[in-house]
Amino acid sequence: MSTFGKFETTVVPSEIGETFTVDTPVAFTVHDHLETGIVTKQLKNSAVIEINETADNKQLMSKSNGVIIVNYKQMKKI
């Protein structure tokens, strides 16, 4: 069986990213609105964040399917 198109690579986060490990709660700004979420995957210079749903962010949740990629420099640990 072929594994064409499927690559397993190890991503090493940048020095700033070492602070934001998986399951870390974070705050960030999207379209001038403060949002919160949890890191689900680390990338080199950013992370995949599962957004916490609130009454005010239903449109963002709908557009992004509840996840967003955020640069480490734009996140704060909470």
Protein backbone atom coordinates (compact mmCIF):
# COMPACT_ATOMS: atom_id res chain seq x y z
CA MET A 1 0.00 0.00 0.00
CA SER A 2 1.35 3.38 -0.98
CA THR A 3 1.60 6.38 1.31
CA PHE A 4 1.74 8.86 -1.56
CA GLY A 5 0.96 12.37 -0.38
CA LYS A 6 1.21 11.54 3.31
CA PHE A 7 4.30 12.84 5.02
CA GLU A 8 5.16 12.61 8.68
CA THR A 9 7.44 15.45 9.72
CA THR A 10 8.45 16.63 13.13
CA VAL A 11 7.80 20.34 13.63
CA VAL A 12 10.17 22.10 15.98
CA PRO A 13 8.58 25.28 17.37
CA SER A 14 10.59 28.49 17.53
CA GLU A 15 12.03 29.69 20.83
CA ILE A 16 8.91 31.78 21.50
CA GLY A 17 6.71 28.77 20.71
CA GLU A 18 8.25 26.64 23.46
CA THR A 19 6.03 28.54 25.92
CA PHE A 20 2.83 27.52 24.12
CA THR A 21 2.73 23.73 24.38
CA VAL A 22 -0.34 21.67 23.47
CA ASP A 23 -3.31 22.19 25.88
CA THR A 24 -2.07 25.66 26.93
CA PRO A 25 -4.95 28.16 27.36
CA VAL A 26 -4.24 31.36 25.41
CA ALA A 27 -5.74 34.74 24.56
CA PHE A 28 -5.39 36.47 21.18
CA THR A 29 -7.07 39.15 19.07
CA VAL A 30 -9.03 38.48 15.86
CA HIS A 31 -10.57 41.43 13.98
CA ASP A 32 -10.09 43.66 17.04
CA HIS A 33 -11.96 41.22 19.33
CA LEU A 34 -10.26 39.44 22.21
CA GLU A 35 -10.72 35.68 21.94
CA THR A 36 -9.55 32.74 24.02
CA GLY A 37 -8.78 29.15 23.19
CA ILE A 38 -6.50 26.17 23.68
CA VAL A 39 -3.39 25.22 21.68
CA THR A 40 -4.08 21.96 19.83
CA LYS A 41 -0.98 21.77 17.62
CA GLN A 42 2.33 23.60 17.49
CA LEU A 43 3.85 24.81 14.24
CA LYS A 44 7.20 26.54 13.72
CA ASN A 45 6.08 30.16 14.17
CA SER A 46 2.41 29.69 15.05
CA ALA A 47 -0.08 27.32 16.61
CA VAL A 48 -3.45 25.82 15.78
CA ILE A 49 -5.93 27.11 18.37
CA GLU A 50 -9.32 25.63 19.23
CA ILE A 51 -11.45 28.71 19.90
CA ASN A 52 -13.63 28.88 23.01
CA GLU A 53 -17.22 29.51 21.90
CA THR A 54 -19.02 32.51 23.35
CA ALA A 55 -22.25 34.37 22.57
CA ASP A 56 -20.20 37.10 20.84
CA ASN A 57 -18.13 34.93 18.49
CA LYS A 58 -20.72 32.76 16.73
CA GLN A 59 -19.84 34.22 13.30
CA LEU A 60 -16.11 33.53 13.82
CA MET A 61 -16.88 29.98 14.96
CA SER A 62 -18.99 29.42 11.86
CA LYS A 63 -16.39 30.80 9.44
CA SER A 64 -13.40 29.04 11.01
CA ASN A 65 -15.01 25.75 12.10
CA GLY A 66 -13.83 26.56 15.62
CA VAL A 67 -10.09 26.57 14.86
CA ILE A 68 -7.63 29.27 13.84
CA ILE A 69 -3.89 29.58 13.28
CA VAL A 70 -2.26 32.30 15.37
CA ASN A 71 1.36 33.51 15.42
CA TYR A 72 3.08 32.94 18.77
CA LYS A 73 3.88 36.67 19.02
CA GLN A 74 0.14 37.45 18.99
CA MET A 75 -0.75 35.08 21.85
CA LYS A 76 -0.67 35.44 25.63
CA LYS A 77 -0.88 32.62 28.16
CA ILE A 78 -3.91 32.79 30.43
